[in-house]
Amino acid sequence: MAKQQVMRSLGAILAIDAVGYSRQMARDEEATLKTLQAYRELIAGLVARHGGRVFGVAGDSEMAVLPHALEALACARDIERAIDALNAELPAERRMPLRLGVHFGKVLIEGDHVYGDDVNIAARVEDLAGKGGICLSGAAFDRVEGRLPVGFEAYGPQRFKNMDRPVRVYRLRDEPLMIGRVVPGRPPRRRRWRRSWSPGPGCGPFTFRNGSRIRSGSPPSTPRRRRRRRTAPNACAPPCKTPRHAPKASAIAPRSSRPPCARRSARRRAVLIW
């Protein structure tokens, strides 16, 4: 088997992903596959029109490489418009909005596959775009700023998994009031998967120092702390006595404004002293 030649190239990486693909596949596989194929044909034609090429189609995600970041951003906008027009003809339960990410850097091309650290950055940037959104990295933003009648929302430096350096992220805003502006923004919350604690398959019951016992497959329980019951100072409920930690009633207010319980306590102390 002949080994394919690996080519190094400098260009813009466009990451594309369909939102809600897994949910649509669980409902109707044939209808979802038909919609996804229509999306792919549309995307391939628009990428070729802007001088690019589609690589690495896997499930609902695609990767494309274009010669310049400006062409990648223009292609992303055309894809969003075309997908919105196509979704308008589909029922609401079959629509899958796209999210796109643009990054500029070096890639390794081997046949129909593209590799490189910059490809991973494009995929991470695309994850912050949200439904129907387009996000750019700082490297792509520096090459398109001021060259299109659009605005941007700056998310600031973002840290991603398995990446040492933070990446500046910008979200495209094409509203008329945002043309030529860059405003600060807040990225959407990322999904974080939590792992539930469970002992090994061969583990039996455990006994901890606090006396609690657990069985295999259940998390360890922590003992609850007993809360100390607090009573309000100078409470008027019988027996009416002034707490030891409270100051004298004479130091709090004049005698005429003392509560009845404080007056009785003061009279008792006066009788004992006399």
Protein backbone atom coordinates (compact mmCIF):
# COMPACT_ATOMS: atom_id res chain seq x y z
CA MET A 1 0.00 0.00 0.00
CA ALA A 2 1.51 3.30 -1.11
CA LYS A 3 2.01 5.85 1.62
CA GLN A 4 0.27 9.16 0.95
CA GLN A 5 2.33 12.30 0.95
CA VAL A 6 1.84 14.72 3.83
CA MET A 7 1.61 18.37 2.82
CA ARG A 8 2.03 21.37 5.10
CA SER A 9 -0.16 24.34 4.38
CA LEU A 10 -1.02 27.70 5.92
CA GLY A 11 -4.65 28.68 5.72
CA ALA A 12 -7.97 29.22 7.46
CA ILE A 13 -9.69 26.27 9.10
CA LEU A 14 -13.49 26.27 9.15
CA ALA A 15 -15.13 23.92 11.66
CA ILE A 16 -18.83 23.13 11.17
CA ASP A 17 -21.14 21.24 13.52
CA ALA A 18 -24.90 20.60 13.57
CA VAL A 19 -26.75 21.31 16.83
CA GLY A 20 -29.27 18.70 17.96
CA TYR A 21 -28.04 15.94 15.64
CA SER A 22 -28.10 13.18 18.26
CA ARG A 23 -31.60 14.07 19.38
CA GLN A 24 -32.85 14.08 15.79
CA MET A 25 -31.24 10.70 15.09
CA ALA A 26 -32.96 9.20 18.13
CA ARG A 27 -36.34 10.38 16.81
CA ASP A 28 -36.08 9.58 13.09
CA GLU A 29 -32.85 8.23 11.60
CA GLU A 30 -33.86 8.26 7.93
CA ALA A 31 -35.28 11.80 7.94
CA THR A 32 -32.26 13.13 9.87
CA LEU A 33 -29.81 11.49 7.47
CA LYS A 34 -31.67 12.96 4.51
CA THR A 35 -31.50 16.45 6.05
CA LEU A 36 -27.80 16.03 6.86
CA GLN A 37 -27.00 15.00 3.29
CA ALA A 38 -28.76 18.11 1.99
CA TYR A 39 -26.64 20.19 4.40
CA ARG A 40 -23.42 18.54 3.20
CA GLU A 41 -24.18 19.15 -0.48
CA LEU A 42 -24.92 22.79 0.25
CA ILE A 43 -21.78 23.27 2.34
CA ALA A 44 -19.50 21.56 -0.19
CA GLY A 45 -20.75 23.82 -2.99
CA LEU A 46 -20.26 27.02 -0.96
CA VAL A 47 -16.78 26.00 0.24
CA ALA A 48 -15.70 25.25 -3.34
CA ARG A 49 -17.08 28.59 -4.49
CA HIS A 50 -14.80 30.37 -1.99
CA GLY A 51 -11.73 28.40 -3.10
CA GLY A 52 -11.67 25.87 -0.28
CA ARG A 53 -11.93 22.14 0.23
CA VAL A 54 -13.87 19.98 2.69
CA PHE A 55 -11.90 17.52 4.85
CA GLY A 56 -12.71 15.10 7.62
CA VAL A 57 -16.47 14.53 7.44
CA ALA A 58 -17.50 12.59 10.56
CA GLY A 59 -21.10 12.35 11.71
CA ASP A 60 -22.56 15.83 11.96
CA SER A 61 -19.21 17.67 11.87
CA GLU A 62 -17.07 18.82 8.96
CA MET A 63 -13.73 20.54 8.48
CA ALA A 64 -12.80 22.81 5.58
CA VAL A 65 -9.58 24.60 4.67
CA LEU A 66 -9.69 27.90 2.80
CA PRO A 67 -6.84 30.12 1.56
CA HIS A 68 -7.57 33.15 3.76
CA ALA A 69 -9.46 34.00 6.94
CA LEU A 70 -11.51 36.60 5.08
CA GLU A 71 -12.74 33.94 2.64
CA ALA A 72 -13.48 31.58 5.51
CA LEU A 73 -15.61 34.19 7.29
CA ALA A 74 -17.47 35.08 4.11
CA CYS A 75 -18.06 31.38 3.43
CA ALA A 76 -19.34 30.86 6.98
CA ARG A 77 -21.84 33.70 6.57
CA ASP A 78 -23.05 32.28 3.25
CA ILE A 79 -23.46 28.84 4.83
CA GLU A 80 -25.55 30.27 7.67
CA ARG A 81 -27.86 32.11 5.26
CA ALA A 82 -28.28 29.05 3.03
CA ILE A 83 -28.99 26.74 5.98
CA ASP A 84 -31.55 29.19 7.39
CA ALA A 85 -33.32 29.27 4.03
CA LEU A 86 -33.30 25.47 3.87
CA ASN A 87 -34.56 25.11 7.43
CA ALA A 88 -37.46 27.44 6.69
CA GLU A 89 -38.84 24.76 4.34
CA LEU A 90 -38.50 21.97 6.91
CA PRO A 91 -40.73 21.20 9.90
CA ALA A 92 -39.57 22.62 13.21
CA GLU A 93 -38.73 19.17 14.61
CA ARG A 94 -36.33 18.41 11.73
CA ARG A 95 -34.32 21.63 11.77
CA MET A 96 -30.68 21.49 12.87
CA PRO A 97 -28.98 24.89 13.20
CA LEU A 98 -25.23 25.07 12.65
CA ARG A 99 -22.41 26.52 14.67
CA LEU A 100 -19.16 27.46 12.97
CA GLY A 101 -15.63 28.30 14.07
CA VAL A 102 -12.85 29.99 12.10
CA HIS A 103 -9.13 29.84 12.89
CA PHE A 104 -6.01 30.69 10.92
CA GLY A 105 -2.86 28.58 11.23
CA LYS A 106 -0.80 25.66 9.94
CA VAL A 107 -2.31 22.32 8.94
CA LEU A 108 -1.04 18.94 7.79
CA ILE A 109 -2.94 17.52 4.81
CA GLU A 110 -2.82 13.80 4.06
CA GLY A 111 -5.24 12.73 1.34
CA ASP A 112 -8.75 13.55 2.51
CA HIS A 113 -7.71 14.20 6.10
CA VAL A 114 -6.36 17.29 7.83
CA TYR A 115 -4.35 17.31 11.08
CA GLY A 116 -2.63 19.78 13.34
CA ASP A 117 -2.97 21.67 16.59
CA ASP A 118 -4.70 24.55 14.78
CA VAL A 119 -7.45 22.15 13.67
CA ASN A 120 -8.16 21.41 17.33
CA ILE A 121 -8.29 25.13 18.09
CA ALA A 122 -10.88 25.65 15.34
CA ALA A 123 -13.02 22.88 16.83
CA ARG A 124 -12.79 24.40 20.34
CA VAL A 125 -13.66 27.87 19.04
CA GLU A 126 -16.66 26.46 17.17
CA ASP A 127 -17.99 24.97 20.42
CA LEU A 128 -18.49 28.50 21.82
CA ALA A 129 -20.50 29.75 18.84
CA GLY A 130 -23.89 28.48 19.99
CA LYS A 131 -26.89 27.86 17.77
CA GLY A 132 -26.58 29.65 14.46
CA GLY A 133 -23.44 31.48 15.59
CA ILE A 134 -19.96 32.05 14.17
CA CYS A 135 -16.87 32.41 16.36
CA LEU A 136 -13.35 33.40 15.39
CA SER A 137 -10.03 32.93 17.10
CA GLY A 138 -7.70 35.85 17.72
CA ALA A 139 -5.49 34.85 14.77
CA ALA A 140 -8.46 34.94 12.39
CA PHE A 141 -9.89 38.12 13.91
CA ASP A 142 -6.66 40.04 13.37
CA ARG A 143 -6.87 39.28 9.63
CA VAL A 144 -10.52 40.25 9.10
CA GLU A 145 -11.01 43.20 11.47
CA GLY A 146 -12.32 46.23 9.64
CA ARG A 147 -12.58 44.49 6.26
CA LEU A 148 -16.27 43.48 6.42
CA PRO A 149 -19.37 45.47 7.48
CA VAL A 150 -19.85 43.42 10.66
CA GLY A 151 -19.27 43.72 14.38
CA PHE A 152 -17.83 41.40 16.99
CA GLU A 153 -18.39 40.39 20.58
CA ALA A 154 -15.13 39.80 22.43
CA TYR A 155 -15.14 36.83 24.78
CA GLY A 156 -11.55 37.41 25.87
CA PRO A 157 -8.87 34.73 26.40
CA GLN A 158 -10.39 31.28 26.81
CA ARG A 159 -8.66 28.16 28.11
CA PHE A 160 -9.43 24.85 26.46
CA LYS A 161 -8.70 21.26 27.35
CA ASN A 162 -5.21 19.94 26.50
CA MET A 163 -4.03 23.42 25.41
CA ASP A 164 -1.31 25.28 27.29
CA ARG A 165 -2.02 28.79 26.03
CA PRO A 166 -5.36 30.64 26.16
CA VAL A 167 -7.05 31.56 22.88
CA ARG A 168 -8.81 34.85 22.22
CA VAL A 169 -12.36 34.27 20.97
CA TYR A 170 -14.68 36.66 19.13
CA ARG A 171 -18.31 36.08 18.13
CA LEU A 172 -19.67 37.55 14.90
CA ARG A 173 -22.47 40.10 15.21
CA ASP A 174 -23.96 41.24 11.90
CA GLU A 175 -26.71 43.51 13.23
CA PRO A 176 -26.78 47.00 11.64
CA LEU A 177 -26.08 48.70 14.98
CA MET A 178 -22.98 46.54 15.51
CA ILE A 179 -21.16 47.38 12.27
CA GLY A 180 -17.57 48.33 12.98
CA ARG A 181 -17.88 47.78 16.74
CA VAL A 182 -16.20 45.34 19.13
CA VAL A 183 -18.04 45.01 22.44
CA PRO A 184 -17.22 42.79 25.43
CA GLY A 185 -19.35 39.70 25.90
CA ARG A 186 -19.67 36.54 27.93
CA PRO A 187 -19.35 33.10 26.33
CA PRO A 188 -22.03 30.48 26.88
CA ARG A 189 -21.51 27.93 29.61
CA ARG A 190 -19.69 24.83 28.46
CA ARG A 191 -21.03 21.37 29.14
CA ARG A 192 -19.11 19.54 31.84
CA TRP A 193 -19.60 15.84 32.43
CA ARG A 194 -19.44 14.74 36.05
CA ARG A 195 -18.31 11.26 37.03
CA SER A 196 -20.21 9.59 39.82
CA TRP A 197 -18.11 7.83 42.46
CA SER A 198 -18.44 4.06 42.58
CA PRO A 199 -16.14 1.37 44.03
CA GLY A 200 -14.74 -1.44 41.97
CA PRO A 201 -16.85 -4.41 40.85
CA GLY A 202 -15.34 -6.74 43.42
CA CYS A 203 -15.64 -4.39 46.36
CA GLY A 204 -17.94 -5.22 49.26
CA PRO A 205 -19.30 -3.03 52.05
CA PHE A 206 -16.91 -0.48 53.54
CA THR A 207 -16.82 0.86 57.09
CA PHE A 208 -15.45 4.38 57.63
CA ARG A 209 -14.11 5.96 60.79
CA ASN A 210 -17.37 7.76 61.41
CA GLY A 211 -19.20 4.41 61.50
CA SER A 212 -21.09 4.80 58.22
CA ARG A 213 -21.24 1.81 55.88
CA ILE A 214 -21.77 1.75 52.13
CA ARG A 215 -22.30 -0.99 49.59
CA SER A 216 -20.79 -1.39 46.15
CA GLY A 217 -22.09 1.20 43.69
CA SER A 218 -23.20 3.87 46.19
CA PRO A 219 -21.17 6.99 47.12
CA PRO A 220 -19.86 7.38 50.68
CA SER A 221 -22.19 9.30 52.94
CA THR A 222 -20.84 12.03 55.20
CA PRO A 223 -22.29 12.49 58.70
CA ARG A 224 -24.48 15.51 59.15
CA ARG A 225 -23.42 18.13 61.67
CA ARG A 226 -25.84 18.94 64.44
CA ARG A 227 -26.93 22.54 64.38
CA ARG A 228 -26.98 24.40 67.66
CA ARG A 229 -30.35 25.83 68.49
CA ARG A 230 -30.14 29.58 68.86
CA THR A 231 -32.49 31.63 71.04
CA ALA A 232 -33.06 35.33 70.71
CA PRO A 233 -31.54 37.42 73.54
CA ASN A 234 -33.94 39.02 76.04
CA ALA A 235 -36.82 36.76 74.95
CA CYS A 236 -40.07 37.52 76.76
CA ALA A 237 -41.13 33.88 77.14
CA PRO A 238 -41.29 32.62 80.77
CA PRO A 239 -39.12 32.29 82.74
CA CYS A 240 -38.08 35.80 81.87
CA LYS A 241 -34.38 36.08 82.67
CA THR A 242 -31.66 38.14 81.10
CA PRO A 243 -29.04 35.97 79.34
CA ARG A 244 -25.56 35.93 80.83
CA HIS A 245 -23.90 37.05 77.63
CA ALA A 246 -26.23 40.07 77.20
CA PRO A 247 -25.27 43.46 78.68
CA LYS A 248 -27.23 45.03 81.50
CA ALA A 249 -30.58 46.54 80.67
CA SER A 250 -29.50 49.92 82.06
CA ALA A 251 -26.64 50.08 79.54
CA ILE A 252 -28.96 49.41 76.59
CA ALA A 253 -31.75 51.95 77.10
CA PRO A 254 -33.19 54.26 79.78
CA ARG A 255 -35.50 52.78 82.38
CA SER A 256 -38.65 54.20 80.85
CA SER A 257 -37.96 52.48 77.51
CA ARG A 258 -36.90 49.09 78.92
CA PRO A 259 -39.07 46.07 78.09
CA PRO A 260 -41.13 44.57 80.96
CA CYS A 261 -38.85 41.57 81.28
CA ALA A 262 -35.80 43.83 81.75
CA ARG A 263 -37.61 45.88 84.38
CA ARG A 264 -38.47 42.79 86.42
CA SER A 265 -34.90 41.54 86.19
CA ALA A 266 -33.58 44.91 87.35
CA ARG A 267 -35.99 44.97 90.31
CA ARG A 268 -34.95 41.45 91.32
CA ARG A 269 -31.27 42.41 91.28
CA ALA A 270 -32.02 45.53 93.34
CA VAL A 271 -33.88 43.48 95.98
CA LEU A 272 -31.04 40.98 96.22
CA ILE A 273 -28.46 43.74 96.59
CA TRP A 274 -30.53 45.47 99.31
